Amino acid sequence: MRFLFAAAALLVTLGLAPAQAQDKTFDLKFSSWVPPAHPLNPSLIAWGKDIEKETNGTVKSTMFPSEQLGKAFDHYDMVRDGIADFGYINPGYQPGRFPVIAGAELPFLVGNAKGGSAAVDAWYRKYWDKEMKDVHVCFAFVLDPGTFHSRIKILVPADINGMKVRPANATMGAFVSLLGGTNVQASAPEAREMLERGVANAITFPWGSIMLFGIDKVVKFHMDMPFWTGTFVWAMNKAKYDAMSPAQRTVIDNHCTTEWAEKIASPWADFEHAGHAKLEAMAGHEVYKITPEQTALWRKAAEPLKAKWAGQVKAAGYDPDAIYADLIAELKKHDALAE
């Protein structure tokens, strides 16, 4: 019995005991720029509820979806400045600011979002303290591979020349420019309007979200070639994290793991994957396959993107070859490297 009391005292001393009722209470603001029906939001809400349970109700949370607290492009700065306590960040919305994580957005690299999220999270943990030093990063994850959706059928890279395209992220923006297209910058919630007004005539987007954001109303052609993904980060305001008790921070840390990254990403991955069959079944839409020869042209056209990425990473003070090799190793480990 004396040993049990001594062990319990040691846990408290180390800050490993469960959050106590006397801990300060926090009501955290979660900011998500996607609409309430998006599958990411319920996952994050459930994650917050689990933290509330593990902290004996001392760390609560409220979700603010649909850009209620600020624009999608601004979420990193919103978390940094405390406008949001936790925020859903798309690094690809800010070209050049986060060059390392952009490596996971290179075409024909990530084969699936579940293992891909675990792989990218495990890989990026080595770099995020430097690249995203203004926030307390919780975990990183990726999107189920997406493709081109357009008003005009796209078959080969040369078809992008002269087109106006809303890219999903900076990597896809660089690809569009490389192919002679014009980028139309718009966040996901703004994308339908750009297409509806004719400001853009194609978009790189995941499958299920085409219907969620109403983009199926303004495009009809869907290339059946998974070749790009998006990277995302769930991050916390540093000052809010530091204000918590050691026990509360331990609970947060236990919810900021690679396992949680995959768990949070999985329902969204299933949702996007199911969108392919839904679009195939919709009247007025054409989901079309491309030939192996056409796929080879896309792969060749994308090759310069890696060199461009490597240059940006090197300029930021990193070793791009080591970072890329590390990413490939993690993707293989988690069975998520594209074929």
Protein backbone atom coordinates (compact mmCIF):
# COMPACT_ATOMS: atom_id res chain seq x y z
CA MET A 1 0.00 0.00 0.00
CA ARG A 2 2.86 2.37 0.88
CA PHE A 3 4.32 1.68 -2.57
CA LEU A 4 1.03 2.62 -4.29
CA PHE A 5 0.86 5.94 -2.47
CA ALA A 6 4.48 6.67 -3.35
CA ALA A 7 3.84 5.86 -7.02
CA ALA A 8 0.79 8.12 -7.11
CA ALA A 9 2.80 10.94 -5.56
CA LEU A 10 5.52 10.45 -8.18
CA LEU A 11 2.98 10.70 -11.01
CA VAL A 12 1.68 13.98 -9.63
CA THR A 13 5.23 15.29 -9.27
CA LEU A 14 5.96 14.42 -12.91
CA GLY A 15 2.75 16.03 -14.09
CA LEU A 16 1.41 12.74 -15.39
CA ALA A 17 -1.70 12.49 -13.23
CA PRO A 18 -5.12 13.01 -14.81
CA ALA A 19 -6.37 16.59 -14.91
CA GLN A 20 -7.80 17.57 -11.54
CA ALA A 21 -11.05 19.35 -10.68
CA GLN A 22 -9.09 22.26 -9.21
CA ASP A 23 -7.38 22.94 -12.55
CA LYS A 24 -8.35 26.15 -14.31
CA THR A 25 -11.22 25.69 -16.77
CA PHE A 26 -10.69 26.45 -20.45
CA ASP A 27 -13.33 26.80 -23.18
CA LEU A 28 -11.33 26.48 -26.37
CA LYS A 29 -12.37 27.97 -29.69
CA PHE A 30 -11.94 25.46 -32.54
CA SER A 31 -11.88 27.14 -35.96
CA SER A 32 -12.67 25.22 -39.13
CA TRP A 33 -13.25 26.94 -42.46
CA VAL A 34 -15.24 24.05 -43.98
CA PRO A 35 -19.06 23.86 -43.62
CA PRO A 36 -20.72 22.03 -40.69
CA ALA A 37 -21.61 19.01 -42.88
CA HIS A 38 -17.96 18.40 -43.74
CA PRO A 39 -16.80 15.09 -42.16
CA LEU A 40 -13.72 16.70 -40.63
CA ASN A 41 -15.80 18.76 -38.20
CA PRO A 42 -17.51 15.85 -36.36
CA SER A 43 -14.12 14.14 -36.01
CA LEU A 44 -12.58 17.23 -34.44
CA ILE A 45 -15.60 17.81 -32.20
CA ALA A 46 -15.39 14.21 -30.95
CA TRP A 47 -11.66 14.70 -30.39
CA GLY A 48 -12.43 17.76 -28.27
CA LYS A 49 -15.06 15.85 -26.28
CA ASP A 50 -12.51 13.15 -25.52
CA ILE A 51 -10.15 15.80 -24.16
CA GLU A 52 -12.99 17.22 -22.05
CA LYS A 53 -13.60 13.75 -20.60
CA GLU A 54 -9.92 13.09 -19.91
CA THR A 55 -9.50 16.48 -18.19
CA ASN A 56 -12.53 15.92 -15.95
CA GLY A 57 -14.40 18.69 -17.75
CA THR A 58 -11.74 21.36 -17.26
CA VAL A 59 -10.86 21.69 -20.98
CA LYS A 60 -14.00 22.24 -23.04
CA SER A 61 -14.30 23.27 -26.66
CA THR A 62 -16.66 24.88 -29.14
CA MET A 63 -16.41 24.42 -32.91
CA PHE A 64 -16.75 27.46 -35.21
CA PRO A 65 -17.09 26.16 -38.81
CA SER A 66 -17.61 27.97 -42.13
CA GLU A 67 -14.99 30.71 -41.62
CA GLN A 68 -16.94 32.19 -38.67
CA LEU A 69 -13.73 33.32 -36.97
CA GLY A 70 -11.80 34.20 -40.12
CA LYS A 71 -10.92 33.31 -43.71
CA ALA A 72 -9.41 29.94 -44.64
CA PHE A 73 -6.20 31.62 -45.83
CA ASP A 74 -5.69 33.23 -42.39
CA HIS A 75 -5.95 30.25 -40.06
CA TYR A 76 -2.25 29.92 -39.23
CA ASP A 77 -2.07 33.55 -38.18
CA MET A 78 -5.40 33.27 -36.35
CA VAL A 79 -3.98 30.48 -34.19
CA ARG A 80 -0.72 32.35 -33.68
CA ASP A 81 -2.58 35.48 -32.56
CA GLY A 82 -5.14 33.70 -30.36
CA ILE A 83 -8.19 34.49 -32.48
CA ALA A 84 -8.66 30.72 -32.45
CA ASP A 85 -7.28 28.37 -29.80
CA PHE A 86 -7.13 25.51 -32.29
CA GLY A 87 -7.27 25.94 -36.06
CA TYR A 88 -7.53 23.84 -39.19
CA ILE A 89 -4.65 25.08 -41.35
CA ASN A 90 -4.00 24.50 -45.04
CA PRO A 91 -0.29 25.33 -45.52
CA GLY A 92 -0.75 25.18 -49.30
CA TYR A 93 -2.91 28.30 -49.19
CA GLN A 94 0.23 30.38 -48.50
CA PRO A 95 2.78 29.77 -51.28
CA GLY A 96 6.39 29.63 -50.12
CA ARG A 97 5.69 30.08 -46.41
CA PHE A 98 5.91 26.40 -45.45
CA PRO A 99 8.21 24.75 -48.01
CA VAL A 100 8.97 21.51 -46.13
CA ILE A 101 5.40 20.23 -45.73
CA ALA A 102 4.74 21.11 -49.38
CA GLY A 103 6.86 18.08 -50.28
CA ALA A 104 3.92 15.83 -49.40
CA GLU A 105 1.82 17.66 -52.00
CA LEU A 106 4.01 16.61 -54.93
CA PRO A 107 1.98 14.72 -57.58
CA PHE A 108 1.93 10.93 -57.77
CA LEU A 109 3.37 10.56 -54.26
CA VAL A 110 0.65 9.91 -51.66
CA GLY A 111 -1.55 6.96 -52.59
CA ASN A 112 -4.20 7.13 -49.87
CA ALA A 113 -5.24 9.46 -47.08
CA LYS A 114 -5.38 7.02 -44.15
CA GLY A 115 -1.87 5.60 -44.17
CA GLY A 116 -0.80 8.82 -45.87
CA SER A 117 -1.90 10.89 -42.89
CA ALA A 118 0.01 8.66 -40.47
CA ALA A 119 3.07 8.83 -42.72
CA VAL A 120 3.02 12.59 -43.24
CA ASP A 121 2.41 13.25 -39.55
CA ALA A 122 5.30 11.00 -38.48
CA TRP A 123 7.55 12.61 -41.11
CA TYR A 124 6.65 16.25 -40.46
CA ARG A 125 7.14 15.99 -36.67
CA LYS A 126 10.88 16.31 -37.28
CA TYR A 127 10.44 19.68 -38.96
CA TRP A 128 7.38 21.50 -37.68
CA ASP A 129 9.02 23.04 -34.60
CA LYS A 130 11.15 25.11 -36.98
CA GLU A 131 8.78 25.61 -39.91
CA MET A 132 5.69 26.38 -37.82
CA LYS A 133 7.41 27.80 -34.75
CA ASP A 134 4.65 30.37 -34.07
CA VAL A 135 2.07 27.71 -33.12
CA HIS A 136 1.88 24.49 -31.15
CA VAL A 137 1.35 21.89 -33.87
CA CYS A 138 -0.83 18.98 -32.79
CA PHE A 139 -0.81 16.75 -35.86
CA ALA A 140 -0.65 16.80 -39.65
CA PHE A 141 -2.79 14.88 -42.13
CA VAL A 142 -3.57 14.66 -45.84
CA LEU A 143 -6.48 14.57 -48.22
CA ASP A 144 -7.63 11.59 -50.27
CA PRO A 145 -5.99 12.05 -53.71
CA GLY A 146 -7.87 14.44 -55.99
CA THR A 147 -7.90 15.34 -59.67
CA PHE A 148 -9.05 17.89 -62.28
CA HIS A 149 -12.76 18.73 -62.48
CA SER A 150 -13.66 21.03 -65.32
CA ARG A 151 -16.14 22.54 -67.75
CA ILE A 152 -13.96 21.49 -70.66
CA LYS A 153 -12.58 17.95 -70.96
CA ILE A 154 -8.90 17.72 -70.04
CA LEU A 155 -6.88 14.76 -71.33
CA VAL A 156 -3.20 15.75 -71.55
CA PRO A 157 -1.01 18.43 -69.92
CA ALA A 158 -1.10 20.56 -73.08
CA ASP A 159 -4.85 21.06 -72.52
CA ILE A 160 -4.07 23.26 -69.49
CA ASN A 161 -2.31 25.83 -71.68
CA GLY A 162 -4.46 28.95 -71.69
CA MET A 163 -6.97 27.59 -69.16
CA LYS A 164 -8.01 29.39 -65.96
CA VAL A 165 -7.66 26.96 -63.07
CA ARG A 166 -8.42 27.23 -59.37
CA PRO A 167 -5.56 25.20 -57.80
CA ALA A 168 -5.97 23.33 -54.53
CA ASN A 169 -2.67 24.54 -53.12
CA ALA A 170 0.62 26.21 -54.02
CA THR A 171 2.03 23.03 -55.55
CA MET A 172 -0.90 22.67 -57.92
CA GLY A 173 -0.64 26.40 -58.63
CA ALA A 174 2.97 25.93 -59.69
CA PHE A 175 1.92 23.02 -61.88
CA VAL A 176 -0.77 25.07 -63.63
CA SER A 177 1.73 27.85 -64.30
CA LEU A 178 4.27 25.34 -65.59
CA LEU A 179 1.70 24.10 -68.10
CA GLY A 180 0.80 27.57 -69.33
CA GLY A 181 -2.43 27.98 -67.41
CA THR A 182 -3.60 30.91 -65.29
CA ASN A 183 -4.16 30.43 -61.56
CA VAL A 184 -7.33 31.77 -59.97
CA GLN A 185 -6.75 31.89 -56.22
CA ALA A 186 -9.78 31.01 -54.09
CA SER A 187 -10.32 29.01 -50.94
CA ALA A 188 -12.59 25.96 -51.08
CA PRO A 189 -15.64 27.89 -49.80
CA GLU A 190 -15.13 30.50 -52.53
CA ALA A 191 -14.40 28.09 -55.38
CA ARG A 192 -17.93 27.57 -56.70
CA GLU A 193 -18.46 31.28 -57.22
CA MET A 194 -15.23 31.55 -59.24
CA LEU A 195 -16.38 28.75 -61.54
CA GLU A 196 -19.96 30.01 -61.72
CA ARG A 197 -18.81 33.45 -62.83
CA GLY A 198 -16.44 31.99 -65.41
CA VAL A 199 -13.39 33.40 -63.62
CA ALA A 200 -12.09 29.82 -63.65
CA ASN A 201 -13.05 26.91 -65.89
CA ALA A 202 -11.31 24.07 -64.05
CA ILE A 203 -10.44 23.16 -60.48
CA THR A 204 -8.24 20.67 -58.66
CA PHE A 205 -10.44 19.25 -55.92
CA PRO A 206 -11.18 16.00 -54.05
CA TRP A 207 -14.13 13.85 -55.14
CA GLY A 208 -16.67 13.99 -52.33
CA SER A 209 -16.24 17.70 -51.68
CA ILE A 210 -17.32 18.47 -55.23
CA MET A 211 -20.92 17.92 -54.08
CA LEU A 212 -20.43 19.32 -50.57
CA PHE A 213 -19.32 22.70 -51.91
CA GLY A 214 -21.83 22.70 -54.78
CA ILE A 215 -19.15 22.54 -57.45
CA ASP A 216 -21.01 19.72 -59.21
CA LYS A 217 -23.46 22.43 -60.32
CA VAL A 218 -20.78 24.22 -62.37
CA VAL A 219 -18.46 21.48 -63.73
CA LYS A 220 -19.29 18.27 -65.59
CA PHE A 221 -16.00 16.56 -66.55
CA HIS A 222 -13.95 14.63 -63.99
CA MET A 223 -10.57 13.12 -64.84
CA ASP A 224 -10.18 9.67 -63.26
CA MET A 225 -6.52 10.06 -62.29
CA PRO A 226 -5.53 10.43 -58.61
CA PHE A 227 -2.39 12.51 -58.70
CA TRP A 228 -2.38 15.23 -56.06
CA THR A 229 -3.14 15.63 -52.39
CA GLY A 230 -3.34 18.47 -49.88
CA THR A 231 -1.58 18.77 -46.54
CA PHE A 232 -3.26 20.06 -43.40
CA VAL A 233 -2.29 20.85 -39.84
CA TRP A 234 -4.33 21.00 -36.63
CA ALA A 235 -2.52 23.46 -34.38
CA MET A 236 -2.96 25.21 -31.04
CA ASN A 237 -2.20 28.69 -29.77
CA LYS A 238 1.08 28.51 -27.85
CA ALA A 239 0.05 30.85 -25.06
CA LYS A 240 -3.12 28.86 -24.39
CA TYR A 241 -1.15 25.61 -24.26
CA ASP A 242 1.40 27.14 -21.87
CA ALA A 243 -1.39 28.47 -19.61
CA MET A 244 -2.66 24.97 -18.89
CA SER A 245 -1.61 22.83 -15.95
CA PRO A 246 0.96 20.06 -16.52
CA ALA A 247 -1.82 17.49 -16.23
CA GLN A 248 -3.98 19.26 -18.83
CA ARG A 249 -1.03 19.62 -21.20
CA THR A 250 -0.38 15.89 -20.85
CA VAL A 251 -3.94 15.18 -22.00
CA ILE A 252 -3.47 17.51 -24.98
CA ASP A 253 -0.17 15.81 -25.83
CA ASN A 254 -1.82 12.39 -25.66
CA HIS A 255 -4.34 13.60 -28.25
CA CYS A 256 -1.67 15.05 -30.54
CA THR A 257 -0.22 11.82 -31.89
CA THR A 258 0.27 10.07 -35.20
CA GLU A 259 -2.50 7.65 -34.23
CA TRP A 260 -4.90 10.55 -33.75
CA ALA A 261 -3.83 12.08 -37.07
CA GLU A 262 -4.94 8.95 -38.92
CA LYS A 263 -8.10 8.61 -36.81
CA ILE A 264 -9.17 12.19 -37.53
CA ALA A 265 -8.40 11.89 -41.26
CA SER A 266 -10.10 8.52 -41.86
CA PRO A 267 -13.80 9.55 -41.97
CA TRP A 268 -12.90 12.36 -44.36
CA ALA A 269 -10.89 9.96 -46.51
CA ASP A 270 -13.89 7.61 -46.76
CA PHE A 271 -16.18 10.52 -47.63
CA GLU A 272 -13.96 11.77 -50.45
CA HIS A 273 -13.36 8.27 -51.83
CA ALA A 274 -17.12 7.61 -51.97
CA GLY A 275 -17.59 10.77 -54.02
CA HIS A 276 -16.07 9.09 -57.08
CA ALA A 277 -18.94 6.60 -57.41
CA LYS A 278 -21.52 9.29 -56.64
CA LEU A 279 -20.30 11.50 -59.46
CA GLU A 280 -20.20 8.54 -61.86
CA ALA A 281 -23.88 7.91 -61.11
CA MET A 282 -24.98 11.53 -61.51
CA ALA A 283 -26.74 12.55 -64.72
CA GLY A 284 -24.91 15.17 -66.74
CA HIS A 285 -21.47 14.22 -65.40
CA GLU A 286 -18.69 12.33 -67.13
CA VAL A 287 -16.01 10.57 -65.11
CA TYR A 288 -13.46 9.54 -67.70
CA LYS A 289 -10.30 7.45 -67.62
CA ILE A 290 -7.12 8.40 -69.39
CA THR A 291 -4.74 6.06 -71.19
CA PRO A 292 -1.38 4.85 -69.84
CA GLU A 293 0.28 7.02 -72.49
CA GLN A 294 -1.60 10.08 -71.26
CA THR A 295 -0.73 9.25 -67.64
CA ALA A 296 2.95 9.08 -68.62
CA LEU A 297 2.66 12.58 -70.08
CA TRP A 298 1.22 13.90 -66.79
CA ARG A 299 3.99 12.25 -64.77
CA LYS A 300 6.67 13.71 -67.01
CA ALA A 301 5.07 17.16 -66.90
CA ALA A 302 5.08 17.06 -63.09
CA GLU A 303 8.78 16.20 -62.76
CA PRO A 304 10.03 19.83 -62.57
CA LEU A 305 7.88 20.41 -59.47
CA LYS A 306 10.21 18.32 -57.33
CA ALA A 307 13.23 20.39 -58.37
CA LYS A 308 11.32 23.60 -57.65
CA TRP A 309 10.34 22.28 -54.22
CA ALA A 310 13.91 21.20 -53.47
CA GLY A 311 15.18 24.68 -54.30
CA GLN A 312 12.70 26.31 -51.92
CA VAL A 313 13.53 23.86 -49.13
CA LYS A 314 17.27 24.39 -49.58
CA ALA A 315 16.81 28.16 -49.52
CA ALA A 316 15.00 27.77 -46.18
CA GLY A 317 18.03 25.98 -44.71
CA TYR A 318 17.03 22.34 -45.01
CA ASP A 319 18.46 19.33 -46.86
CA PRO A 320 15.80 18.49 -49.50
CA ASP A 321 17.30 15.11 -50.41
CA ALA A 322 17.22 13.89 -46.80
CA ILE A 323 13.71 15.26 -46.25
CA TYR A 324 12.36 13.63 -49.41
CA ALA A 325 14.01 10.28 -48.62
CA ASP A 326 12.51 10.42 -45.12
CA LEU A 327 9.06 11.09 -46.57
CA ILE A 328 9.30 8.18 -49.01
CA ALA A 329 10.38 5.87 -46.18
CA GLU A 330 7.38 6.86 -44.03
CA LEU A 331 4.94 6.45 -46.93
CA LYS A 332 6.30 2.96 -47.61
CA LYS A 333 6.13 2.09 -43.91
CA HIS A 334 2.44 3.03 -43.81
CA ASP A 335 1.55 1.45 -47.20
CA ALA A 336 0.68 4.85 -48.60
CA LEU A 337 3.17 5.39 -51.43
CA ALA A 338 1.38 5.87 -54.76
CA GLU A 339 1.95 3.19 -57.35
